[in-house]
Amino acid sequence: MFFFQVLLYLYHFWVFYLGSIFIYIFCLNPSNRKRFIYIILISSTIVCAIVILQNFGAVPFLWSDSYKKLYLGFNSGTLGPNKIVLGLTSFITFVLSIGVILEKSIHINRIVLILSIALNLYIVLLSGSRTTYVALLIFLAYFAVSNTLKFSYVAILILGAFILMVTINGDFYKKVDDVISHRITNKIKKKESLEEGKVDELYSDLGSGRDRLTKGNFYYLLENPQIIPFGMGFVNRFTTAPGLSAHNMYIQVVRELGIVGFVLYFGWLLSYLFIDFKQYNGFSLALKGLILSMLVTLFFGEHLYIYRPMFGFLGLFLVITNIFVSILHKNE
């Protein structure tokens, strides 16, 4: 069963990679690129609307009873009922929307874009995914520093959309406030940890046991240095390491693929930061902000990998990054 499970993971890995390459070629044509962006934005808006309706009791839970019990009835629309799935999917679509609205060479309906930005940002907050919250903060900080004027413009648009939403229904704010209180504020045992910036204590309180898994796998590598050069194998389940996941991509890559895999994987991810977009400033800002947010949040998870709860996100990430890069190669 382990062998066939690894084959399934490897199948997903290659299908996502090859599929994203085909989409890249498809998007070399500006008209096709525009159509595909519309497909993503509209699909995401529909999912966001379903999640909002679920939270207000208008749409039922769409997954099986076993999932409902396992994830405590978390509403995720048509996406898998794991908080990080919903959170990061909305986050990356939010980033795509920001890149498109700032990119002058692409003309997408402004109402569609503003609706996508507002709804996906709202769903990010509603998801309760702490990893996604960190990703959002990193992206917004990079956006604000890189282009303060455009950041102010987008911030005004988002603020206006949120004021409109709250005016229509005051429960929109209450839902988000309840989620943040439950997932963050009430989880912090010592309030002075936040005030004094004690990262270790905050991570222990908010990490849901991830700190123990990360430390356990780190010490496992130190105790078994023979696996460091080449790792113990792709998604290897035959191991005495603490847990199947280190909840830290940096350690996980070394554990499975060694230093060789680490250099290849993070060399690929870092390479996005050195792409010269020339005059395409909107896509450049969005892509680099996205990569920086991933580099930080991968310290807390493996969302750019193919583990069952999150494997779909890698495919979406590859598709959206290829949309960004395809603009550099015109094929009129």
C-alpha atoms as a PDB file:
ATOM      1  CA  MET A   1       0.000   0.000   0.000  1.00  0.00           C
ATOM      2  CA  PHE A   2       2.878   2.359   0.788  1.00  0.00           C
ATOM      3  CA  PHE A   3       4.390   1.622  -2.636  1.00  0.00           C
ATOM      4  CA  PHE A   4       1.159   2.418  -4.487  1.00  0.00           C
ATOM      5  CA  GLN A   5       0.650   5.519  -2.356  1.00  0.00           C
ATOM      6  CA  VAL A   6       4.081   6.807  -3.420  1.00  0.00           C
ATOM      7  CA  LEU A   7       3.223   6.079  -7.064  1.00  0.00           C
ATOM      8  CA  LEU A   8       0.044   8.129  -6.678  1.00  0.00           C
ATOM      9  CA  TYR A   9       2.010  11.045  -5.202  1.00  0.00           C
ATOM     10  CA  LEU A  10       4.575  10.821  -8.006  1.00  0.00           C
ATOM     11  CA  TYR A  11       1.758  10.719 -10.560  1.00  0.00           C
ATOM     12  CA  HIS A  12       0.276  13.926  -9.125  1.00  0.00           C
ATOM     13  CA  PHE A  13       3.695  15.573  -9.117  1.00  0.00           C
ATOM     14  CA  TRP A  14       4.300  14.892 -12.809  1.00  0.00           C
ATOM     15  CA  VAL A  15       0.734  15.670 -13.894  1.00  0.00           C
ATOM     16  CA  PHE A  16       0.841  19.041 -12.132  1.00  0.00           C
ATOM     17  CA  TYR A  17       4.233  19.833 -13.649  1.00  0.00           C
ATOM     18  CA  LEU A  18       3.395  18.771 -17.207  1.00  0.00           C
ATOM     19  CA  GLY A  19      -0.099  20.262 -16.985  1.00  0.00           C
ATOM     20  CA  SER A  20       1.331  23.629 -15.950  1.00  0.00           C
ATOM     21  CA  ILE A  21       3.779  23.520 -18.881  1.00  0.00           C
ATOM     22  CA  PHE A  22       0.900  22.927 -21.318  1.00  0.00           C
ATOM     23  CA  ILE A  23      -0.991  25.845 -19.745  1.00  0.00           C
ATOM     24  CA  TYR A  24       2.150  27.976 -20.061  1.00  0.00           C
ATOM     25  CA  ILE A  25       2.306  27.242 -23.796  1.00  0.00           C
ATOM     26  CA  PHE A  26      -1.442  27.922 -24.064  1.00  0.00           C
ATOM     27  CA  CYS A  27      -0.975  31.292 -22.317  1.00  0.00           C
ATOM     28  CA  LEU A  28       1.776  32.450 -24.685  1.00  0.00           C
ATOM     29  CA  ASN A  29      -1.103  33.772 -26.772  1.00  0.00           C
ATOM     30  CA  PRO A  30      -2.384  36.955 -25.042  1.00  0.00           C
ATOM     31  CA  SER A  31      -6.026  36.134 -25.814  1.00  0.00           C
ATOM     32  CA  ASN A  32      -5.696  32.658 -24.302  1.00  0.00           C
ATOM     33  CA  ARG A  33      -3.936  34.089 -21.252  1.00  0.00           C
ATOM     34  CA  LYS A  34      -6.791  36.524 -20.731  1.00  0.00           C
ATOM     35  CA  ARG A  35      -9.396  33.753 -21.032  1.00  0.00           C
ATOM     36  CA  PHE A  36      -7.574  31.547 -18.557  1.00  0.00           C
ATOM     37  CA  ILE A  37      -7.283  34.383 -16.029  1.00  0.00           C
ATOM     38  CA  TYR A  38     -11.051  34.921 -16.320  1.00  0.00           C
ATOM     39  CA  ILE A  39     -11.641  31.190 -15.715  1.00  0.00           C
ATOM     40  CA  ILE A  40      -9.558  31.261 -12.521  1.00  0.00           C
ATOM     41  CA  LEU A  41     -11.071  34.493 -11.184  1.00  0.00           C
ATOM     42  CA  ILE A  42     -14.676  33.524 -11.872  1.00  0.00           C
ATOM     43  CA  SER A  43     -14.203  29.972 -10.509  1.00  0.00           C
ATOM     44  CA  SER A  44     -12.606  31.364  -7.360  1.00  0.00           C
ATOM     45  CA  THR A  45     -15.404  33.910  -6.905  1.00  0.00           C
ATOM     46  CA  ILE A  46     -17.982  31.105  -7.125  1.00  0.00           C
ATOM     47  CA  VAL A  47     -16.121  29.058  -4.487  1.00  0.00           C
ATOM     48  CA  CYS A  48     -15.891  32.116  -2.211  1.00  0.00           C
ATOM     49  CA  ALA A  49     -19.620  32.736  -2.585  1.00  0.00           C
ATOM     50  CA  ILE A  50     -20.387  29.098  -1.678  1.00  0.00           C
ATOM     51  CA  VAL A  51     -18.203  29.297   1.455  1.00  0.00           C
ATOM     52  CA  ILE A  52     -19.874  32.537   2.554  1.00  0.00           C
ATOM     53  CA  LEU A  53     -23.326  31.053   2.007  1.00  0.00           C
ATOM     54  CA  GLN A  54     -22.279  27.970   4.011  1.00  0.00           C
ATOM     55  CA  ASN A  55     -21.192  30.141   6.923  1.00  0.00           C
ATOM     56  CA  PHE A  56     -24.594  31.802   6.915  1.00  0.00           C
ATOM     57  CA  GLY A  57     -26.442  28.475   6.740  1.00  0.00           C
ATOM     58  CA  ALA A  58     -27.733  28.822   3.182  1.00  0.00           C
ATOM     59  CA  VAL A  59     -25.639  25.953   1.726  1.00  0.00           C
ATOM     60  CA  PRO A  60     -24.939  22.629   3.509  1.00  0.00           C
ATOM     61  CA  PHE A  61     -21.569  20.947   4.121  1.00  0.00           C
ATOM     62  CA  LEU A  62     -20.580  19.409   0.761  1.00  0.00           C
ATOM     63  CA  TRP A  63     -18.281  16.601   1.920  1.00  0.00           C
ATOM     64  CA  SER A  64     -18.939  13.245   3.601  1.00  0.00           C
ATOM     65  CA  ASP A  65     -19.963  12.843   7.239  1.00  0.00           C
ATOM     66  CA  SER A  66     -16.532  11.389   8.089  1.00  0.00           C
ATOM     67  CA  TYR A  67     -14.854  14.569   6.809  1.00  0.00           C
ATOM     68  CA  LYS A  68     -17.405  16.673   8.636  1.00  0.00           C
ATOM     69  CA  LYS A  69     -16.550  14.909  11.893  1.00  0.00           C
ATOM     70  CA  LEU A  70     -12.784  14.962  11.276  1.00  0.00           C
ATOM     71  CA  TYR A  71     -12.661  18.676  10.418  1.00  0.00           C
ATOM     72  CA  LEU A  72     -15.382  19.722  12.877  1.00  0.00           C
ATOM     73  CA  GLY A  73     -17.728  20.856  10.120  1.00  0.00           C
ATOM     74  CA  PHE A  74     -15.311  23.425   8.686  1.00  0.00           C
ATOM     75  CA  ASN A  75     -16.928  25.049   5.650  1.00  0.00           C
ATOM     76  CA  SER A  76     -14.647  25.007   2.622  1.00  0.00           C
ATOM     77  CA  GLY A  77     -17.074  24.981  -0.287  1.00  0.00           C
ATOM     78  CA  THR A  78     -15.938  22.585  -3.006  1.00  0.00           C
ATOM     79  CA  LEU A  79     -12.349  22.487  -1.718  1.00  0.00           C
ATOM     80  CA  GLY A  80     -11.001  19.893   0.707  1.00  0.00           C
ATOM     81  CA  PRO A  81     -12.128  20.620   4.288  1.00  0.00           C
ATOM     82  CA  ASN A  82      -8.679  21.553   5.577  1.00  0.00           C
ATOM     83  CA  LYS A  83      -8.211  25.168   6.681  1.00  0.00           C
ATOM     84  CA  ILE A  84      -4.916  25.646   4.863  1.00  0.00           C
ATOM     85  CA  VAL A  85      -6.414  24.392   1.565  1.00  0.00           C
ATOM     86  CA  LEU A  86      -9.095  27.060   1.569  1.00  0.00           C
ATOM     87  CA  GLY A  87      -6.802  29.748   2.976  1.00  0.00           C
ATOM     88  CA  LEU A  88      -3.872  29.313   0.588  1.00  0.00           C
ATOM     89  CA  THR A  89      -6.084  28.752  -2.471  1.00  0.00           C
ATOM     90  CA  SER A  90      -7.810  32.076  -1.826  1.00  0.00           C
ATOM     91  CA  PHE A  91      -4.477  33.716  -1.011  1.00  0.00           C
ATOM     92  CA  ILE A  92      -2.819  32.737  -4.287  1.00  0.00           C
ATOM     93  CA  THR A  93      -5.899  33.829  -6.274  1.00  0.00           C
ATOM     94  CA  PHE A  94      -5.797  37.122  -4.356  1.00  0.00           C
ATOM     95  CA  VAL A  95      -2.144  37.518  -5.449  1.00  0.00           C
ATOM     96  CA  LEU A  96      -3.066  36.777  -9.072  1.00  0.00           C
ATOM     97  CA  SER A  97      -5.820  39.406  -8.895  1.00  0.00           C
ATOM     98  CA  ILE A  98      -3.400  41.979  -7.474  1.00  0.00           C
ATOM     99  CA  GLY A  99      -0.886  41.243 -10.228  1.00  0.00           C
ATOM    100  CA  VAL A 100      -3.538  41.597 -12.946  1.00  0.00           C
ATOM    101  CA  ILE A 101      -5.029  44.821 -11.584  1.00  0.00           C
ATOM    102  CA  LEU A 102      -1.540  46.381 -11.484  1.00  0.00           C
ATOM    103  CA  GLU A 103      -0.493  45.089 -14.924  1.00  0.00           C
ATOM    104  CA  LYS A 104      -1.325  47.668 -17.590  1.00  0.00           C
ATOM    105  CA  SER A 105      -0.788  45.283 -20.512  1.00  0.00           C
ATOM    106  CA  ILE A 106      -3.758  43.082 -19.520  1.00  0.00           C
ATOM    107  CA  HIS A 107      -7.298  44.412 -19.594  1.00  0.00           C
ATOM    108  CA  ILE A 108      -9.604  42.463 -17.278  1.00  0.00           C
ATOM    109  CA  ASN A 109     -12.980  43.794 -16.171  1.00  0.00           C
ATOM    110  CA  ARG A 110     -12.361  45.894 -13.043  1.00  0.00           C
ATOM    111  CA  ILE A 111     -15.546  44.732 -11.329  1.00  0.00           C
ATOM    112  CA  VAL A 112     -14.463  41.087 -11.688  1.00  0.00           C
ATOM    113  CA  LEU A 113     -11.020  41.925 -10.291  1.00  0.00           C
ATOM    114  CA  ILE A 114     -12.234  43.979  -7.328  1.00  0.00           C
ATOM    115  CA  LEU A 115     -14.823  41.326  -6.477  1.00  0.00           C
ATOM    116  CA  SER A 116     -12.136  38.620  -6.634  1.00  0.00           C
ATOM    117  CA  ILE A 117      -9.725  40.627  -4.456  1.00  0.00           C
ATOM    118  CA  ALA A 118     -12.355  41.464  -1.816  1.00  0.00           C
ATOM    119  CA  LEU A 119     -13.941  38.004  -1.620  1.00  0.00           C
ATOM    120  CA  ASN A 120     -10.659  36.070  -1.607  1.00  0.00           C
ATOM    121  CA  LEU A 121      -9.207  38.328   1.069  1.00  0.00           C
ATOM    122  CA  TYR A 122     -12.347  37.847   3.133  1.00  0.00           C
ATOM    123  CA  ILE A 123     -12.119  34.066   2.739  1.00  0.00           C
ATOM    124  CA  VAL A 124      -8.436  34.140   3.750  1.00  0.00           C
ATOM    125  CA  LEU A 125      -9.467  35.831   7.000  1.00  0.00           C
ATOM    126  CA  LEU A 126     -12.448  33.510   7.419  1.00  0.00           C
ATOM    127  CA  SER A 127     -10.361  30.367   6.838  1.00  0.00           C
ATOM    128  CA  GLY A 128      -8.587  30.585  10.189  1.00  0.00           C
ATOM    129  CA  SER A 129      -5.379  29.260   8.578  1.00  0.00           C
ATOM    130  CA  ARG A 130      -2.525  30.758  10.561  1.00  0.00           C
ATOM    131  CA  THR A 131      -0.006  29.818   7.862  1.00  0.00           C
ATOM    132  CA  THR A 132      -2.071  31.774   5.340  1.00  0.00           C
ATOM    133  CA  TYR A 133      -2.229  34.774   7.670  1.00  0.00           C
ATOM    134  CA  VAL A 134       1.592  34.835   7.741  1.00  0.00           C
ATOM    135  CA  ALA A 135       1.732  34.508   3.933  1.00  0.00           C
ATOM    136  CA  LEU A 136      -0.694  37.426   3.563  1.00  0.00           C
ATOM    137  CA  LEU A 137       1.309  39.644   5.938  1.00  0.00           C
ATOM    138  CA  ILE A 138       4.568  38.898   4.097  1.00  0.00           C
ATOM    139  CA  PHE A 139       2.994  39.648   0.723  1.00  0.00           C
ATOM    140  CA  LEU A 140       1.348  42.893   1.867  1.00  0.00           C
ATOM    141  CA  ALA A 141       4.580  44.066   3.546  1.00  0.00           C
ATOM    142  CA  TYR A 142       6.533  43.430   0.335  1.00  0.00           C
ATOM    143  CA  PHE A 143       3.806  45.152  -1.707  1.00  0.00           C
ATOM    144  CA  ALA A 144       3.807  48.211   0.584  1.00  0.00           C
ATOM    145  CA  VAL A 145       7.598  48.577   0.506  1.00  0.00           C
ATOM    146  CA  SER A 146       7.987  47.883  -3.243  1.00  0.00           C
ATOM    147  CA  ASN A 147       5.303  50.280  -4.454  1.00  0.00           C
ATOM    148  CA  THR A 148       3.720  52.369  -1.734  1.00  0.00           C
ATOM    149  CA  LEU A 149       1.582  54.410  -4.137  1.00  0.00           C
ATOM    150  CA  LYS A 150      -0.052  51.405  -5.807  1.00  0.00           C
ATOM    151  CA  PHE A 151      -0.408  49.699  -2.433  1.00  0.00           C
ATOM    152  CA  SER A 152      -2.379  52.708  -1.176  1.00  0.00           C
ATOM    153  CA  TYR A 153      -4.589  52.576  -4.284  1.00  0.00           C
ATOM    154  CA  VAL A 154      -5.370  48.874  -3.827  1.00  0.00           C
ATOM    155  CA  ALA A 155      -5.825  49.304  -0.065  1.00  0.00           C
ATOM    156  CA  ILE A 156      -8.474  51.971  -0.684  1.00  0.00           C
ATOM    157  CA  LEU A 157     -10.298  49.656  -3.114  1.00  0.00           C
ATOM    158  CA  ILE A 158     -10.234  46.772  -0.626  1.00  0.00           C
ATOM    159  CA  LEU A 159     -11.312  48.972   2.272  1.00  0.00           C
ATOM    160  CA  GLY A 160     -14.207  50.323   0.216  1.00  0.00           C
ATOM    161  CA  ALA A 161     -15.319  46.816  -0.715  1.00  0.00           C
ATOM    162  CA  PHE A 162     -15.170  45.691   2.935  1.00  0.00           C
ATOM    163  CA  ILE A 163     -17.132  48.709   4.143  1.00  0.00           C
ATOM    164  CA  LEU A 164     -19.791  47.890   1.543  1.00  0.00           C
ATOM    165  CA  MET A 165     -19.910  44.242   2.684  1.00  0.00           C
ATOM    166  CA  VAL A 166     -20.211  45.162   6.370  1.00  0.00           C
ATOM    167  CA  THR A 167     -22.861  47.769   5.561  1.00  0.00           C
ATOM    168  CA  ILE A 168     -24.912  45.135   3.733  1.00  0.00           C
ATOM    169  CA  ASN A 169     -24.554  42.620   6.578  1.00  0.00           C
ATOM    170  CA  GLY A 170     -22.812  43.340   9.898  1.00  0.00           C
ATOM    171  CA  ASP A 171     -22.301  39.604  10.498  1.00  0.00           C
ATOM    172  CA  PHE A 172     -19.493  39.615   7.901  1.00  0.00           C
ATOM    173  CA  TYR A 173     -17.202  41.332  10.416  1.00  0.00           C
ATOM    174  CA  LYS A 174     -18.432  39.245  13.359  1.00  0.00           C
ATOM    175  CA  LYS A 175     -17.652  35.977  11.544  1.00  0.00           C
ATOM    176  CA  VAL A 176     -14.041  37.013  10.911  1.00  0.00           C
ATOM    177  CA  ASP A 177     -13.619  38.376  14.436  1.00  0.00           C
ATOM    178  CA  ASP A 178     -14.847  35.081  15.925  1.00  0.00           C
ATOM    179  CA  VAL A 179     -12.453  33.053  13.751  1.00  0.00           C
ATOM    180  CA  ILE A 180      -9.397  35.180  14.585  1.00  0.00           C
ATOM    181  CA  SER A 181     -10.245  35.135  18.297  1.00  0.00           C
ATOM    182  CA  HIS A 182     -10.653  31.341  18.260  1.00  0.00           C
ATOM    183  CA  ARG A 183      -7.600  30.597  16.103  1.00  0.00           C
ATOM    184  CA  ILE A 184      -5.130  33.190  17.409  1.00  0.00           C
ATOM    185  CA  THR A 185      -6.076  35.413  20.335  1.00  0.00           C
ATOM    186  CA  ASN A 186      -7.464  32.684  22.587  1.00  0.00           C
ATOM    187  CA  LYS A 187      -4.616  30.301  21.700  1.00  0.00           C
ATOM    188  CA  ILE A 188      -1.900  32.527  23.169  1.00  0.00           C
ATOM    189  CA  LYS A 189      -1.415  31.405  26.773  1.00  0.00           C
ATOM    190  CA  LYS A 190       0.742  34.310  27.888  1.00  0.00           C
ATOM    191  CA  LYS A 191      -0.207  37.685  26.450  1.00  0.00           C
ATOM    192  CA  GLU A 192       3.246  39.058  27.302  1.00  0.00           C
ATOM    193  CA  SER A 193       4.730  36.594  24.775  1.00  0.00           C
ATOM    194  CA  LEU A 194       3.169  38.684  22.009  1.00  0.00           C
ATOM    195  CA  GLU A 195       4.185  41.998  23.559  1.00  0.00           C
ATOM    196  CA  GLU A 196       7.784  40.877  24.138  1.00  0.00           C
ATOM    197  CA  GLY A 197       8.079  39.100  20.794  1.00  0.00           C
ATOM    198  CA  LYS A 198       8.879  35.639  22.183  1.00  0.00           C
ATOM    199  CA  VAL A 199       8.700  33.705  18.923  1.00  0.00           C
ATOM    200  CA  ASP A 200       9.343  30.250  20.451  1.00  0.00           C
ATOM    201  CA  GLU A 201       6.467  30.554  22.909  1.00  0.00           C
ATOM    202  CA  LEU A 202       4.116  31.970  20.284  1.00  0.00           C
ATOM    203  CA  TYR A 203       4.942  29.172  17.837  1.00  0.00           C
ATOM    204  CA  SER A 204       4.411  26.597  20.568  1.00  0.00           C
ATOM    205  CA  ASP A 205       0.981  28.063  21.370  1.00  0.00           C
ATOM    206  CA  LEU A 206      -0.142  28.576  17.761  1.00  0.00           C
ATOM    207  CA  GLY A 207       1.607  25.703  16.013  1.00  0.00           C
ATOM    208  CA  SER A 208      -0.704  22.881  17.178  1.00  0.00           C
ATOM    209  CA  GLY A 209       2.254  20.618  17.969  1.00  0.00           C
ATOM    210  CA  ARG A 210       4.228  21.451  14.821  1.00  0.00           C
ATOM    211  CA  ASP A 211       7.203  22.661  16.845  1.00  0.00           C
ATOM    212  CA  ARG A 212       7.620  19.196  18.366  1.00  0.00           C
ATOM    213  CA  LEU A 213       7.505  17.502  14.967  1.00  0.00           C
ATOM    214  CA  THR A 214       9.979  19.978  13.489  1.00  0.00           C
ATOM    215  CA  LYS A 215      12.453  19.605  16.348  1.00  0.00           C
ATOM    216  CA  GLY A 216      12.024  15.826  16.391  1.00  0.00           C
ATOM    217  CA  ASN A 217      12.840  15.522  12.689  1.00  0.00           C
ATOM    218  CA  PHE A 218      15.772  17.916  12.997  1.00  0.00           C
ATOM    219  CA  TYR A 219      17.307  15.816  15.763  1.00  0.00           C
ATOM    220  CA  TYR A 220      16.562  12.691  13.731  1.00  0.00           C
ATOM    221  CA  LEU A 221      18.741  14.074  10.920  1.00  0.00           C
ATOM    222  CA  LEU A 222      21.546  14.840  13.364  1.00  0.00           C
ATOM    223  CA  GLU A 223      21.362  11.294  14.763  1.00  0.00           C
ATOM    224  CA  ASN A 224      21.331   9.766  11.249  1.00  0.00           C
ATOM    225  CA  PRO A 225      23.818  11.846   9.209  1.00  0.00           C
ATOM    226  CA  GLN A 226      24.085   9.090   6.559  1.00  0.00           C
ATOM    227  CA  ILE A 227      20.738  10.176   5.064  1.00  0.00           C
ATOM    228  CA  ILE A 228      21.690  13.856   4.761  1.00  0.00           C
ATOM    229  CA  PRO A 229      23.506  13.690   1.366  1.00  0.00           C
ATOM    230  CA  PHE A 230      20.749  11.910  -0.625  1.00  0.00           C
ATOM    231  CA  GLY A 231      17.828  11.485   1.808  1.00  0.00           C
ATOM    232  CA  MET A 232      15.803   8.387   2.624  1.00  0.00           C
ATOM    233  CA  GLY A 233      13.599   8.468  -0.473  1.00  0.00           C
ATOM    234  CA  PHE A 234      10.654  10.346  -1.980  1.00  0.00           C
ATOM    235  CA  VAL A 235       7.675  10.232   0.439  1.00  0.00           C
ATOM    236  CA  ASN A 236       9.324   7.321   2.260  1.00  0.00           C
ATOM    237  CA  ARG A 237       6.875   5.819   4.775  1.00  0.00           C
ATOM    238  CA  PHE A 238       9.328   3.185   6.110  1.00  0.00           C
ATOM    239  CA  THR A 239      10.996   5.336   8.735  1.00  0.00           C
ATOM    240  CA  THR A 240      11.369   5.699  12.480  1.00  0.00           C
ATOM    241  CA  ALA A 241      11.458   9.488  12.221  1.00  0.00           C
ATOM    242  CA  PRO A 242       8.947  11.376  14.407  1.00  0.00           C
ATOM    243  CA  GLY A 243       5.829  11.600  12.256  1.00  0.00           C
ATOM    244  CA  LEU A 244       5.479  11.366   8.485  1.00  0.00           C
ATOM    245  CA  SER A 245       5.754  15.125   8.144  1.00  0.00           C
ATOM    246  CA  ALA A 246       8.188  17.559   9.743  1.00  0.00           C
ATOM    247  CA  HIS A 247       5.795  20.466   9.029  1.00  0.00           C
ATOM    248  CA  ASN A 248       8.884  22.267   7.765  1.00  0.00           C
ATOM    249  CA  MET A 249       9.731  22.014   4.064  1.00  0.00           C
ATOM    250  CA  TYR A 250      13.408  22.791   4.623  1.00  0.00           C
ATOM    251  CA  ILE A 251      13.846  19.830   6.947  1.00  0.00           C
ATOM    252  CA  GLN A 252      11.438  17.598   5.012  1.00  0.00           C
ATOM    253  CA  VAL A 253      13.325  17.996   1.728  1.00  0.00           C
ATOM    254  CA  VAL A 254      16.613  17.063   3.389  1.00  0.00           C
ATOM    255  CA  ARG A 255      14.940  14.100   5.098  1.00  0.00           C
ATOM    256  CA  GLU A 256      13.493  12.713   1.862  1.00  0.00           C
ATOM    257  CA  LEU A 257      15.840  13.951  -0.870  1.00  0.00           C
ATOM    258  CA  GLY A 258      18.981  15.017   0.976  1.00  0.00           C
ATOM    259  CA  ILE A 259      21.173  18.029   0.295  1.00  0.00           C
ATOM    260  CA  VAL A 260      21.001  17.274  -3.441  1.00  0.00           C
ATOM    261  CA  GLY A 261      17.204  17.557  -3.430  1.00  0.00           C
ATOM    262  CA  PHE A 262      17.355  20.610  -1.163  1.00  0.00           C
ATOM    263  CA  VAL A 263      19.602  22.481  -3.626  1.00  0.00           C
ATOM    264  CA  LEU A 264      17.423  21.530  -6.602  1.00  0.00           C
ATOM    265  CA  TYR A 265      14.095  22.321  -4.906  1.00  0.00           C
ATOM    266  CA  PHE A 266      14.995  25.665  -3.336  1.00  0.00           C
ATOM    267  CA  GLY A 267      17.172  26.591  -6.302  1.00  0.00           C
ATOM    268  CA  TRP A 268      14.011  26.287  -8.428  1.00  0.00           C
ATOM    269  CA  LEU A 269      11.923  28.316  -5.978  1.00  0.00           C
ATOM    270  CA  LEU A 270      14.523  31.077  -5.555  1.00  0.00           C
ATOM    271  CA  SER A 271      15.003  31.333  -9.329  1.00  0.00           C
ATOM    272  CA  TYR A 272      11.609  33.104  -9.582  1.00  0.00           C
ATOM    273  CA  LEU A 273      13.073  36.053  -7.682  1.00  0.00           C
ATOM    274  CA  PHE A 274      15.683  36.669 -10.394  1.00  0.00           C
ATOM    275  CA  ILE A 275      13.327  36.764 -13.397  1.00  0.00           C
ATOM    276  CA  ASP A 276      13.623  40.085 -15.226  1.00  0.00           C
ATOM    277  CA  PHE A 277      10.095  41.204 -16.083  1.00  0.00           C
ATOM    278  CA  LYS A 278      11.317  44.451 -17.669  1.00  0.00           C
ATOM    279  CA  GLN A 279       8.216  46.642 -18.110  1.00  0.00           C
ATOM    280  CA  TYR A 280       5.726  44.164 -16.614  1.00  0.00           C
ATOM    281  CA  ASN A 281       5.839  45.599 -13.112  1.00  0.00           C
ATOM    282  CA  GLY A 282       2.471  44.279 -11.950  1.00  0.00           C
ATOM    283  CA  PHE A 283       3.291  40.629 -12.555  1.00  0.00           C
ATOM    284  CA  SER A 284       6.824  41.106 -11.219  1.00  0.00           C
ATOM    285  CA  LEU A 285       5.555  42.492  -7.909  1.00  0.00           C
ATOM    286  CA  ALA A 286       2.897  39.801  -7.522  1.00  0.00           C
ATOM    287  CA  LEU A 287       5.224  36.885  -8.343  1.00  0.00           C
ATOM    288  CA  LYS A 288       8.092  38.016  -6.131  1.00  0.00           C
ATOM    289  CA  GLY A 289       5.752  38.794  -3.243  1.00  0.00           C
ATOM    290  CA  LEU A 290       4.211  35.337  -3.647  1.00  0.00           C
ATOM    291  CA  ILE A 291       7.615  33.613  -3.641  1.00  0.00           C
ATOM    292  CA  LEU A 292       8.777  35.487  -0.545  1.00  0.00           C
ATOM    293  CA  SER A 293       5.580  34.529   1.287  1.00  0.00           C
ATOM    294  CA  MET A 294       6.135  30.872   0.339  1.00  0.00           C
ATOM    295  CA  LEU A 295       9.795  30.914   1.417  1.00  0.00           C
ATOM    296  CA  VAL A 296       8.746  32.130   4.873  1.00  0.00           C
ATOM    297  CA  THR A 297       5.681  29.934   5.361  1.00  0.00           C
ATOM    298  CA  LEU A 298       7.492  26.778   4.237  1.00  0.00           C
ATOM    299  CA  PHE A 299       9.193  26.920   7.639  1.00  0.00           C
ATOM    300  CA  PHE A 300       5.778  25.884   9.038  1.00  0.00           C
ATOM    301  CA  GLY A 301       4.498  23.421   6.449  1.00  0.00           C
ATOM    302  CA  GLU A 302       4.891  21.574   3.147  1.00  0.00           C
ATOM    303  CA  HIS A 303       2.143  23.213   1.103  1.00  0.00           C
ATOM    304  CA  LEU A 304       4.319  23.303  -2.044  1.00  0.00           C
ATOM    305  CA  TYR A 305       4.537  19.524  -2.037  1.00  0.00           C
ATOM    306  CA  ILE A 306       2.172  16.681  -2.863  1.00  0.00           C
ATOM    307  CA  TYR A 307       0.958  15.382   0.505  1.00  0.00           C
ATOM    308  CA  ARG A 308      -2.698  14.353   0.393  1.00  0.00           C
ATOM    309  CA  PRO A 309      -4.293  17.242   2.298  1.00  0.00           C
ATOM    310  CA  MET A 310      -2.545  19.891   0.170  1.00  0.00           C
ATOM    311  CA  PHE A 311      -1.368  18.333  -3.094  1.00  0.00           C
ATOM    312  CA  GLY A 312      -3.748  20.409  -5.228  1.00  0.00           C
ATOM    313  CA  PHE A 313      -2.116  23.668  -4.150  1.00  0.00           C
ATOM    314  CA  LEU A 314       1.175  22.810  -5.885  1.00  0.00           C
ATOM    315  CA  GLY A 315      -0.711  22.483  -9.171  1.00  0.00           C
ATOM    316  CA  LEU A 316      -2.414  25.847  -8.711  1.00  0.00           C
ATOM    317  CA  PHE A 317       0.896  27.461  -7.739  1.00  0.00           C
ATOM    318  CA  LEU A 318       2.588  26.155 -10.911  1.00  0.00           C
ATOM    319  CA  VAL A 319      -0.323  27.315 -13.080  1.00  0.00           C
ATOM    320  CA  ILE A 320      -0.372  30.853 -11.677  1.00  0.00           C
ATOM    321  CA  THR A 321       3.418  31.306 -11.730  1.00  0.00           C
ATOM    322  CA  ASN A 322       3.421  30.141 -15.370  1.00  0.00           C
ATOM    323  CA  ILE A 323       0.706  32.679 -16.190  1.00  0.00           C
ATOM    324  CA  PHE A 324       2.947  35.377 -14.745  1.00  0.00           C
ATOM    325  CA  VAL A 325       6.032  34.205 -16.654  1.00  0.00           C
ATOM    326  CA  SER A 326       4.218  33.595 -19.964  1.00  0.00           C
ATOM    327  CA  ILE A 327       3.812  37.325 -20.490  1.00  0.00           C
ATOM    328  CA  LEU A 328       7.560  37.562 -21.156  1.00  0.00           C
ATOM    329  CA  HIS A 329       7.257  35.488 -24.340  1.00  0.00           C
ATOM    330  CA  LYS A 330       4.849  37.125 -26.733  1.00  0.00           C
ATOM    331  CA  ASN A 331       3.163  35.015 -29.393  1.00  0.00           C
ATOM    332  CA  GLU A 332       0.739  37.264 -31.192  1.00  0.00           C
END
